[in-house]
C-alpha atoms as a PDB file:
ATOM      1  CA  MET A   1       0.000   0.000   0.000  1.00  0.00           C
ATOM      2  CA  ASN A   2       1.548   3.368  -0.939  1.00  0.00           C
ATOM      3  CA  PHE A   3       1.784   6.016   1.770  1.00  0.00           C
ATOM      4  CA  VAL A   4      -0.687   8.497   0.254  1.00  0.00           C
ATOM      5  CA  LYS A   5      -3.403   5.842   0.177  1.00  0.00           C
ATOM      6  CA  PHE A   6      -2.472   4.689   3.695  1.00  0.00           C
ATOM      7  CA  PHE A   7      -2.504   8.297   4.941  1.00  0.00           C
ATOM      8  CA  THR A   8      -5.944   8.889   3.377  1.00  0.00           C
ATOM      9  CA  LEU A   9      -7.491   5.716   4.826  1.00  0.00           C
ATOM     10  CA  GLU A  10      -5.955   6.248   8.251  1.00  0.00           C
ATOM     11  CA  SER A  11      -7.354   9.782   8.459  1.00  0.00           C
ATOM     12  CA  LYS A  12     -10.872   8.292   8.228  1.00  0.00           C
ATOM     13  CA  THR A  13     -10.533   5.784  11.077  1.00  0.00           C
ATOM     14  CA  GLU A  14     -11.999   6.413  14.526  1.00  0.00           C
ATOM     15  CA  SER A  15      -8.590   5.771  16.090  1.00  0.00           C
ATOM     16  CA  PHE A  16      -6.902   8.553  14.124  1.00  0.00           C
ATOM     17  CA  ASN A  17      -5.455  11.028  16.592  1.00  0.00           C
ATOM     18  CA  GLY A  18      -5.771  14.257  14.698  1.00  0.00           C
ATOM     19  CA  LEU A  19      -2.681  14.565  12.550  1.00  0.00           C
ATOM     20  CA  LEU A  20      -4.982  15.693   9.759  1.00  0.00           C
ATOM     21  CA  SER A  21      -7.739  17.260  11.844  1.00  0.00           C
ATOM     22  CA  ASN A  22      -9.684  19.912   9.931  1.00  0.00           C
ATOM     23  CA  THR A  23      -7.970  18.818   6.727  1.00  0.00           C
ATOM     24  CA  ASP A  24      -9.988  19.301   3.581  1.00  0.00           C
ATOM     25  CA  SER A  25     -10.148  16.235   1.338  1.00  0.00           C
ATOM     26  CA  VAL A  26      -8.962  18.345  -1.605  1.00  0.00           C
ATOM     27  CA  ASP A  27      -5.459  18.911  -0.201  1.00  0.00           C
ATOM     28  CA  LEU A  28      -5.220  15.605   1.678  1.00  0.00           C
ATOM     29  CA  GLU A  29      -2.816  14.113  -0.857  1.00  0.00           C
ATOM     30  CA  GLU A  30      -0.655  17.229  -0.755  1.00  0.00           C
ATOM     31  CA  ARG A  31      -0.457  17.051   3.045  1.00  0.00           C
ATOM     32  CA  ALA A  32       0.473  13.376   2.862  1.00  0.00           C
ATOM     33  CA  LEU A  33       3.365  14.081   0.469  1.00  0.00           C
ATOM     34  CA  ASP A  34       4.541  16.994   2.611  1.00  0.00           C
ATOM     35  CA  PHE A  35       4.535  14.781   5.712  1.00  0.00           C
ATOM     36  CA  LEU A  36       6.455  12.085   3.855  1.00  0.00           C
ATOM     37  CA  HIS A  37       9.062  14.719   2.935  1.00  0.00           C
ATOM     38  CA  LYS A  38       9.439  15.697   6.628  1.00  0.00           C
ATOM     39  CA  MET A  39      10.043  12.030   7.433  1.00  0.00           C
ATOM     40  CA  ASP A  40      12.967  12.002   4.970  1.00  0.00           C
ATOM     41  CA  TYR A  41      10.847   9.915   2.595  1.00  0.00           C
ATOM     42  CA  SER A  42      10.939   6.980   4.991  1.00  0.00           C
ATOM     43  CA  ILE A  43       7.647   5.127   4.409  1.00  0.00           C
ATOM     44  CA  ILE A  44       8.025   3.233   7.694  1.00  0.00           C
ATOM     45  CA  LYS A  45       8.589   6.384   9.767  1.00  0.00           C
ATOM     46  CA  ALA A  46       5.768   8.217   7.991  1.00  0.00           C
ATOM     47  CA  LYS A  47       3.325   5.378   8.641  1.00  0.00           C
ATOM     48  CA  PHE A  48       4.431   4.992  12.257  1.00  0.00           C
ATOM     49  CA  TYR A  49       4.032   8.667  13.174  1.00  0.00           C
ATOM     50  CA  THR A  50       0.739   8.853  11.306  1.00  0.00           C
ATOM     51  CA  ILE A  51      -0.577   6.061  13.519  1.00  0.00           C
ATOM     52  CA  PHE A  52       1.163   7.210  16.700  1.00  0.00           C
ATOM     53  CA  PRO A  53       1.475  11.035  16.462  1.00  0.00           C
ATOM     54  CA  LEU A  54       2.072  11.339  20.246  1.00  0.00           C
ATOM     55  CA  PHE A  55       5.585   9.940  19.764  1.00  0.00           C
ATOM     56  CA  LEU A  56       6.273  12.662  17.211  1.00  0.00           C
ATOM     57  CA  HIS A  57       4.970  15.438  19.498  1.00  0.00           C
ATOM     58  CA  PHE A  58       6.885  14.075  22.487  1.00  0.00           C
ATOM     59  CA  ASN A  59      10.169  13.928  20.580  1.00  0.00           C
ATOM     60  CA  LYS A  60       9.579  17.447  19.246  1.00  0.00           C
ATOM     61  CA  TYR A  61       9.009  19.051  22.648  1.00  0.00           C
ATOM     62  CA  ARG A  62      11.271  16.763  24.663  1.00  0.00           C
ATOM     63  CA  PRO A  63      14.306  16.300  22.375  1.00  0.00           C
ATOM     64  CA  HIS A  64      16.583  15.396  25.275  1.00  0.00           C
ATOM     65  CA  TYR A  65      14.281  12.517  26.183  1.00  0.00           C
ATOM     66  CA  ALA A  66      13.369  11.547  22.629  1.00  0.00           C
ATOM     67  CA  ILE A  67      12.105   8.007  22.167  1.00  0.00           C
ATOM     68  CA  GLN A  68      14.315   6.265  19.660  1.00  0.00           C
ATOM     69  CA  MET A  69      13.012   3.282  17.712  1.00  0.00           C
ATOM     70  CA  SER A  70      14.542   1.265  14.920  1.00  0.00           C
ATOM     71  CA  ASN A  71      12.757   0.691  11.616  1.00  0.00           C
ATOM     72  CA  GLU A  72      12.198  -2.925  12.629  1.00  0.00           C
ATOM     73  CA  GLU A  73      10.522  -1.867  15.883  1.00  0.00           C
ATOM     74  CA  MET A  74       8.370   0.679  14.077  1.00  0.00           C
ATOM     75  CA  GLU A  75       7.390  -1.860  11.466  1.00  0.00           C
ATOM     76  CA  GLU A  76       6.430  -4.328  14.189  1.00  0.00           C
ATOM     77  CA  LYS A  77       4.242  -1.712  15.908  1.00  0.00           C
ATOM     78  CA  ILE A  78       2.589  -0.827  12.593  1.00  0.00           C
ATOM     79  CA  GLU A  79       1.818  -4.470  11.879  1.00  0.00           C
ATOM     80  CA  GLN A  80       0.379  -4.966  15.376  1.00  0.00           C
ATOM     81  CA  TYR A  81      -1.797  -1.903  14.944  1.00  0.00           C
ATOM     82  CA  ILE A  82      -3.120  -3.015  11.547  1.00  0.00           C
ATOM     83  CA  ASN A  83      -3.854  -6.514  12.846  1.00  0.00           C
ATOM     84  CA  THR A  84      -5.725  -5.048  15.817  1.00  0.00           C
ATOM     85  CA  ILE A  85      -7.804  -2.888  13.503  1.00  0.00           C
ATOM     86  CA  LYS A  86      -8.572  -5.884  11.292  1.00  0.00           C
ATOM     87  CA  GLU A  87      -9.537  -8.027  14.274  1.00  0.00           C
ATOM     88  CA  SER A  88     -11.734  -5.250  15.615  1.00  0.00           C
ATOM     89  CA  LYS A  89     -13.439  -4.933  12.230  1.00  0.00           C
ATOM     90  CA  VAL A  90     -13.957  -8.689  12.022  1.00  0.00           C
ATOM     91  CA  ASN A  91     -15.375  -8.775  15.550  1.00  0.00           C
ATOM     92  CA  GLN A  92     -17.717  -5.910  14.750  1.00  0.00           C
ATOM     93  CA  TYR A  93     -18.889  -7.668  11.614  1.00  0.00           C
ATOM     94  CA  GLU A  94     -19.447 -10.964  13.411  1.00  0.00           C
ATOM     95  CA  LYS A  95     -21.430  -9.245  16.157  1.00  0.00           C
ATOM     96  CA  TRP A  96     -23.509  -7.344  13.577  1.00  0.00           C
ATOM     97  CA  LYS A  97     -24.127 -10.511  11.561  1.00  0.00           C
ATOM     98  CA  GLU A  98     -25.059 -12.455  14.711  1.00  0.00           C
ATOM     99  CA  ASP A  99     -27.595  -9.781  15.647  1.00  0.00           C
ATOM    100  CA  LEU A 100     -28.929  -9.821  12.092  1.00  0.00           C
ATOM    101  CA  ASP A 101     -29.298 -13.610  12.078  1.00  0.00           C
ATOM    102  CA  GLU A 102     -31.053 -13.605  15.455  1.00  0.00           C
ATOM    103  CA  ARG A 103     -33.606 -11.019  14.288  1.00  0.00           C
ATOM    104  CA  ILE A 104     -34.233 -12.909  11.055  1.00  0.00           C
ATOM    105  CA  LYS A 105     -34.654 -16.177  12.956  1.00  0.00           C
ATOM    106  CA  ASN A 106     -37.402 -14.672  15.141  1.00  0.00           C
ATOM    107  CA  ARG A 107     -39.269 -12.977  12.257  1.00  0.00           C
ATOM    108  CA  VAL A 108     -38.342  -9.326  12.312  1.00  0.00           C
ATOM    109  CA  PRO A 109     -40.488  -6.368  11.152  1.00  0.00           C
ATOM    110  CA  LEU A 110     -39.005  -4.646   8.116  1.00  0.00           C
ATOM    111  CA  ASN A 111     -38.572  -1.263   9.847  1.00  0.00           C
ATOM    112  CA  LYS A 112     -36.498  -2.809  12.668  1.00  0.00           C
ATOM    113  CA  LEU A 113     -34.394  -4.814  10.223  1.00  0.00           C
ATOM    114  CA  GLN A 114     -33.654  -1.667   8.220  1.00  0.00           C
ATOM    115  CA  ILE A 115     -32.163  -0.058  11.336  1.00  0.00           C
ATOM    116  CA  ILE A 116     -29.699  -2.954  11.698  1.00  0.00           C
ATOM    117  CA  LEU A 117     -28.844  -2.846   7.988  1.00  0.00           C
ATOM    118  CA  GLU A 118     -28.188   0.908   8.204  1.00  0.00           C
ATOM    119  CA  GLN A 119     -25.823   0.266  11.102  1.00  0.00           C
ATOM    120  CA  GLY A 120     -23.954  -2.238   8.946  1.00  0.00           C
ATOM    121  CA  LYS A 121     -23.914   0.176   6.025  1.00  0.00           C
ATOM    122  CA  SER A 122     -22.338   2.886   8.189  1.00  0.00           C
ATOM    123  CA  LEU A 123     -19.576   0.400   9.023  1.00  0.00           C
ATOM    124  CA  LYS A 124     -19.238  -0.516   5.345  1.00  0.00           C
ATOM    125  CA  PHE A 125     -20.389  -4.111   5.891  1.00  0.00           C
ATOM    126  CA  ASP A 126     -21.754  -6.038   2.934  1.00  0.00           C
ATOM    127  CA  VAL A 127     -25.196  -7.564   3.349  1.00  0.00           C
ATOM    128  CA  PRO A 128     -24.879 -11.387   3.187  1.00  0.00           C
ATOM    129  CA  ASP A 129     -26.310 -12.960   0.027  1.00  0.00           C
ATOM    130  CA  TYR A 130     -28.727 -15.169   1.951  1.00  0.00           C
ATOM    131  CA  ILE A 131     -30.222 -12.047   3.594  1.00  0.00           C
ATOM    132  CA  LYS A 132     -30.702 -10.504   0.145  1.00  0.00           C
ATOM    133  CA  GLU A 133     -32.446 -13.698  -0.968  1.00  0.00           C
ATOM    134  CA  ILE A 134     -34.787 -13.578   2.041  1.00  0.00           C
ATOM    135  CA  PHE A 135     -35.568  -9.959   1.166  1.00  0.00           C
ATOM    136  CA  GLU A 136     -36.348 -10.803  -2.449  1.00  0.00           C
ATOM    137  CA  LYS A 137     -38.705 -13.645  -1.499  1.00  0.00           C
ATOM    138  CA  ALA A 138     -40.534 -11.498   1.068  1.00  0.00           C
ATOM    139  CA  ASN A 139     -40.901  -8.626  -1.414  1.00  0.00           C
ATOM    140  CA  LYS A 140     -42.219 -10.978  -4.096  1.00  0.00           C
ATOM    141  CA  PHE A 141     -44.839 -12.343  -1.697  1.00  0.00           C
ATOM    142  CA  SER A 142     -45.735  -8.800  -0.641  1.00  0.00           C
ATOM    143  CA  LYS A 143     -46.602  -7.956  -4.251  1.00  0.00           C
ATOM    144  CA  GLU A 144     -49.137 -10.793  -4.201  1.00  0.00           C
ATOM    145  CA  LEU A 145     -50.581  -9.431  -0.954  1.00  0.00           C
ATOM    146  CA  ARG A 146     -50.949  -5.963  -2.499  1.00  0.00           C
ATOM    147  CA  LYS A 147     -52.994  -7.492  -5.313  1.00  0.00           C
ATOM    148  CA  ILE A 148     -55.182  -9.365  -2.808  1.00  0.00           C
ATOM    149  CA  LEU A 149     -55.713  -6.181  -0.783  1.00  0.00           C
ATOM    150  CA  ASN A 150     -56.796  -4.305  -3.906  1.00  0.00           C
ATOM    151  CA  ASP A 151     -58.907  -7.012  -5.580  1.00  0.00           C
ATOM    152  CA  LYS A 152     -60.444  -8.815  -2.537  1.00  0.00           C
ATOM    153  CA  ALA A 153     -60.524 -12.600  -2.044  1.00  0.00           C
ATOM    154  CA  PRO A 154     -62.686 -15.245  -0.296  1.00  0.00           C
ATOM    155  CA  LEU A 155     -61.991 -15.973   3.360  1.00  0.00           C
ATOM    156  CA  GLU A 156     -60.436 -19.347   2.527  1.00  0.00           C
ATOM    157  CA  THR A 157     -57.900 -17.661   0.253  1.00  0.00           C
ATOM    158  CA  LEU A 158     -57.102 -14.997   2.850  1.00  0.00           C
ATOM    159  CA  LEU A 159     -56.434 -17.655   5.483  1.00  0.00           C
ATOM    160  CA  GLN A 160     -54.130 -19.502   3.081  1.00  0.00           C
ATOM    161  CA  TYR A 161     -52.119 -16.325   2.480  1.00  0.00           C
ATOM    162  CA  GLN A 162     -51.953 -15.696   6.212  1.00  0.00           C
ATOM    163  CA  LYS A 163     -50.464 -19.169   6.714  1.00  0.00           C
ATOM    164  CA  GLN A 164     -47.936 -18.550   3.936  1.00  0.00           C
ATOM    165  CA  SER A 165     -46.887 -15.203   5.396  1.00  0.00           C
ATOM    166  CA  LEU A 166     -45.756 -16.944   8.600  1.00  0.00           C
ATOM    167  CA  GLU A 167     -43.137 -18.803   6.538  1.00  0.00           C
ATOM    168  CA  TYR A 168     -41.262 -15.571   5.795  1.00  0.00           C
ATOM    169  CA  ASN A 169     -38.593 -14.295   8.196  1.00  0.00           C
ATOM    170  CA  ILE A 170     -39.185 -10.651   7.329  1.00  0.00           C
ATOM    171  CA  ILE A 171     -42.508  -9.027   8.218  1.00  0.00           C
ATOM    172  CA  THR A 172     -43.097  -6.481   5.468  1.00  0.00           C
ATOM    173  CA  ASN A 173     -45.511  -3.547   5.666  1.00  0.00           C
ATOM    174  CA  GLU A 174     -47.886  -5.397   3.343  1.00  0.00           C
ATOM    175  CA  MET A 175     -47.936  -8.376   5.713  1.00  0.00           C
ATOM    176  CA  VAL A 176     -48.880  -6.108   8.615  1.00  0.00           C
ATOM    177  CA  ILE A 177     -51.641  -4.400   6.602  1.00  0.00           C
ATOM    178  CA  PHE A 178     -52.892  -7.776   5.357  1.00  0.00           C
ATOM    179  CA  GLU A 179     -53.046  -9.213   8.893  1.00  0.00           C
ATOM    180  CA  GLU A 180     -54.985  -6.186  10.102  1.00  0.00           C
ATOM    181  CA  GLY A 181     -57.347  -6.500   7.127  1.00  0.00           C
ATOM    182  CA  LEU A 182     -57.917 -10.190   7.817  1.00  0.00           C
ATOM    183  CA  ASN A 183     -58.735  -9.511  11.478  1.00  0.00           C
ATOM    184  CA  ARG A 184     -61.208  -6.791  10.479  1.00  0.00           C
ATOM    185  CA  SER A 185     -62.745  -9.211   7.971  1.00  0.00           C
ATOM    186  CA  LEU A 186     -63.243 -11.878  10.658  1.00  0.00           C
ATOM    187  CA  ASN A 187     -64.837  -9.323  12.979  1.00  0.00           C
ATOM    188  CA  TRP A 188     -67.052  -8.134  10.121  1.00  0.00           C
ATOM    189  CA  LEU A 189     -68.254 -11.688   9.440  1.00  0.00           C
ATOM    190  CA  GLU A 190     -69.231 -12.033  13.105  1.00  0.00           C
ATOM    191  CA  LYS A 191     -71.103  -8.758  12.921  1.00  0.00           C
ATOM    192  CA  ILE A 192     -72.989  -9.640   9.720  1.00  0.00           C
ATOM    193  CA  LYS A 193     -73.833 -13.011  11.243  1.00  0.00           C
ATOM    194  CA  SER A 194     -75.252 -11.372  14.371  1.00  0.00           C
ATOM    195  CA  ILE A 195     -77.633  -9.079  12.451  1.00  0.00           C
ATOM    196  CA  SER A 196     -78.957 -11.822  10.182  1.00  0.00           C
ATOM    197  CA  GLU A 197     -79.984 -14.516  12.639  1.00  0.00           C
ATOM    198  CA  PRO A 198     -83.117 -16.524  11.737  1.00  0.00           C
ATOM    199  CA  ASN A 199     -86.441 -14.967  12.795  1.00  0.00           C
ATOM    200  CA  VAL A 200     -84.693 -11.737  13.779  1.00  0.00           C
ATOM    201  CA  LYS A 201     -85.281  -8.557  11.789  1.00  0.00           C
ATOM    202  CA  ILE A 202     -82.223  -6.826  10.395  1.00  0.00           C
ATOM    203  CA  GLN A 203     -81.328  -3.500  11.987  1.00  0.00           C
ATOM    204  CA  VAL A 204     -81.050  -1.019   9.105  1.00  0.00           C
ATOM    205  CA  LYS A 205     -78.496   1.080  10.988  1.00  0.00           C
ATOM    206  CA  MET A 206     -76.272  -1.940  11.599  1.00  0.00           C
ATOM    207  CA  LEU A 207     -76.701  -3.071   8.001  1.00  0.00           C
ATOM    208  CA  ASN A 208     -75.580   0.336   6.787  1.00  0.00           C
ATOM    209  CA  SER A 209     -72.506   0.163   9.038  1.00  0.00           C
ATOM    210  CA  CYS A 210     -71.583  -3.278   7.661  1.00  0.00           C
ATOM    211  CA  ILE A 211     -71.953  -2.154   4.052  1.00  0.00           C
ATOM    212  CA  LEU A 212     -69.709   0.862   4.570  1.00  0.00           C
ATOM    213  CA  GLU A 213     -67.098  -1.220   6.409  1.00  0.00           C
ATOM    214  CA  TYR A 214     -67.081  -3.926   3.729  1.00  0.00           C
ATOM    215  CA  LYS A 215     -65.718  -1.493   1.152  1.00  0.00           C
ATOM    216  CA  ASN A 216     -62.393  -1.307   3.010  1.00  0.00           C
ATOM    217  CA  LEU A 217     -61.965  -5.034   3.600  1.00  0.00           C
ATOM    218  CA  PRO A 218     -59.798  -7.475   1.605  1.00  0.00           C
ATOM    219  CA  LEU A 219     -62.645  -9.974   1.991  1.00  0.00           C
ATOM    220  CA  LEU A 220     -64.759 -11.095  -0.964  1.00  0.00           C
ATOM    221  CA  PHE A 221     -68.119 -12.200   0.496  1.00  0.00           C
ATOM    222  CA  GLU A 222     -70.545 -13.518  -2.123  1.00  0.00           C
ATOM    223  CA  GLU A 223     -73.617 -13.083   0.129  1.00  0.00           C
ATOM    224  CA  PHE A 224     -72.793  -9.386   0.470  1.00  0.00           C
ATOM    225  CA  LYS A 225     -74.789  -8.715  -2.714  1.00  0.00           C
ATOM    226  CA  SER A 226     -77.991  -9.949  -1.074  1.00  0.00           C
ATOM    227  CA  TYR A 227     -77.452  -7.663   1.952  1.00  0.00           C
ATOM    228  CA  LYS A 228     -76.696  -4.741  -0.349  1.00  0.00           C
ATOM    229  CA  THR A 229     -79.892  -5.476  -2.283  1.00  0.00           C
ATOM    230  CA  ILE A 230     -81.921  -5.421   0.933  1.00  0.00           C
ATOM    231  CA  TYR A 231     -80.336  -2.138   1.973  1.00  0.00           C
ATOM    232  CA  ASP A 232     -80.985  -0.536  -1.424  1.00  0.00           C
ATOM    233  CA  LYS A 233     -84.643  -1.643  -1.317  1.00  0.00           C
ATOM    234  CA  VAL A 234     -85.042  -0.230   2.191  1.00  0.00           C
ATOM    235  CA  ASN A 235     -83.604   3.115   1.091  1.00  0.00           C
ATOM    236  CA  ALA A 236     -85.814   3.188  -1.991  1.00  0.00           C
ATOM    237  CA  LEU A 237     -88.837   2.459   0.210  1.00  0.00           C
ATOM    238  CA  LEU A 238     -87.948   5.156   2.708  1.00  0.00           C
ATOM    239  CA  GLU A 239     -87.628   7.696  -0.088  1.00  0.00           C
ATOM    240  CA  LYS A 240     -91.186   6.875  -1.161  1.00  0.00           C
ATOM    241  CA  MET A 241     -92.399   7.448   2.376  1.00  0.00           C
ATOM    242  CA  PRO A 242     -91.583  11.097   3.130  1.00  0.00           C
ATOM    243  CA  THR A 243     -93.708  11.054   6.264  1.00  0.00           C
ATOM    244  CA  LEU A 244     -91.616   8.219   7.712  1.00  0.00           C
ATOM    245  CA  GLY A 245     -88.592  10.381   8.272  1.00  0.00           C
ATOM    246  CA  ARG A 246     -90.514  13.440   9.439  1.00  0.00           C
ATOM    247  CA  ILE A 247     -92.680  12.016  12.178  1.00  0.00           C
ATOM    248  CA  SER A 248     -92.218  13.882  15.453  1.00  0.00           C
ATOM    249  CA  LYS A 249     -90.832  11.481  18.044  1.00  0.00           C
ATOM    250  CA  THR A 250     -92.416  13.495  20.838  1.00  0.00           C
ATOM    251  CA  ARG A 251     -95.805  14.661  19.529  1.00  0.00           C
ATOM    252  CA  MET A 252     -96.316  12.070  16.783  1.00  0.00           C
ATOM    253  CA  ASN A 253     -97.656  14.889  14.580  1.00  0.00           C
ATOM    254  CA  ILE A 254     -97.829  14.413  10.828  1.00  0.00           C
ATOM    255  CA  ASN A 255     -98.031  17.209   8.272  1.00  0.00           C
ATOM    256  CA  VAL A 256    -101.420  17.123   6.546  1.00  0.00           C
ATOM    257  CA  ASN A 257     -99.796  17.416   3.125  1.00  0.00           C
ATOM    258  CA  GLU A 258     -97.700  14.318   3.844  1.00  0.00           C
ATOM    259  CA  LYS A 259    -100.566  12.018   4.807  1.00  0.00           C
ATOM    260  CA  ILE A 260    -101.027   8.805   2.786  1.00  0.00           C
ATOM    261  CA  THR A 261    -104.028   6.566   2.243  1.00  0.00           C
ATOM    262  CA  ILE A 262    -104.596   3.453   4.327  1.00  0.00           C
ATOM    263  CA  LYS A 263    -104.182   1.344   1.191  1.00  0.00           C
ATOM    264  CA  LYS A 264    -100.782   2.903   0.441  1.00  0.00           C
ATOM    265  CA  ALA A 265     -99.697   2.586   4.067  1.00  0.00           C
ATOM    266  CA  MET A 266    -100.586  -1.112   4.029  1.00  0.00           C
ATOM    267  CA  GLU A 267     -98.550  -1.587   0.856  1.00  0.00           C
ATOM    268  CA  TYR A 268     -95.531   0.004   2.565  1.00  0.00           C
ATOM    269  CA  ALA A 269     -96.085  -2.127   5.648  1.00  0.00           C
ATOM    270  CA  LYS A 270     -96.193  -5.291   3.540  1.00  0.00           C
ATOM    271  CA  SER A 271     -92.946  -4.342   1.754  1.00  0.00           C
ATOM    272  CA  ILE A 272     -91.249  -3.677   5.068  1.00  0.00           C
ATOM    273  CA  GLU A 273     -92.374  -7.042   6.429  1.00  0.00           C
ATOM    274  CA  GLU A 274     -91.092  -8.837   3.328  1.00  0.00           C
ATOM    275  CA  LEU A 275     -87.672  -7.214   3.717  1.00  0.00           C
ATOM    276  CA  SER A 276     -87.598  -8.293   7.379  1.00  0.00           C
ATOM    277  CA  VAL A 277     -85.907  -5.111   8.528  1.00  0.00           C
ATOM    278  CA  THR A 278     -86.442  -2.659  11.335  1.00  0.00           C
ATOM    279  CA  SER A 279     -85.305   0.824  12.219  1.00  0.00           C
ATOM    280  CA  GLU A 280     -86.391   3.818  14.252  1.00  0.00           C
ATOM    281  CA  GLU A 281     -88.391   5.149  11.320  1.00  0.00           C
ATOM    282  CA  VAL A 282     -90.061   1.793  10.715  1.00  0.00           C
ATOM    283  CA  TYR A 283     -90.925   1.525  14.419  1.00  0.00           C
ATOM    284  CA  PHE A 284     -92.750   4.889  14.429  1.00  0.00           C
ATOM    285  CA  PHE A 285     -94.487   4.084  11.149  1.00  0.00           C
ATOM    286  CA  PHE A 286     -96.050   0.926  12.552  1.00  0.00           C
ATOM    287  CA  LYS A 287     -96.876   2.729  15.782  1.00  0.00           C
ATOM    288  CA  ILE A 288     -99.070   5.280  14.033  1.00  0.00           C
ATOM    289  CA  LEU A 289    -100.459   2.868  11.458  1.00  0.00           C
END
């Protein structure tokens, strides 16, 4: 390794003691050559005092007590220093890799893994190939999840994808969103089941809530169409019954201009019964009928 390159690399290490402190990178090479000149163009001396500048300062200010070392001794110290740095770097890498492997083994969220990878990047560590492969597989699977989240899928398919996601060591953002979507879908199915029990009228308010919530689920529920049809029919019926939404809940007064015939009222009542729904408006309608 030539001295200029050594000087440049050494100035970037944490152990560097300030021989080039505040040195601009532009004139770094010039400084290195100037220092080599001061060392009588002795590469060994230049390297030694670059690594151990305290010896140089001591000899400068205490010439009568100057520490004298042979080239062989200097070279030995340089070699020891370089080996120590290498060992330290290897130990750092092994510790970083061990931490990385442990996180991967226990299924690590992507955001936490990125922190570890950034730490390695700052230390100029290369990401192991097997970690890259794990990343690629997880990202490929995440693309499939994005499609499922956008297009919807039956519960059976969602559960299959959930099982597959547990096989990946990296928990991507898509996996987190998918898991949340699946849990909301399961809760939604329980809710829709509770409002459609046999011999129990469907609460229009609850039905409306379920329909709105369904839009944001990854779940594809074939029976949803029938519930949506019921809801649309109820809304259409309510629009035809202007009095229904304007009945006073306290005085039960009805505007004369909004009154309907008994025959028409019975037709509305029959339609409501056929839909097997109930709501606050329906309750008051039957109460005054």
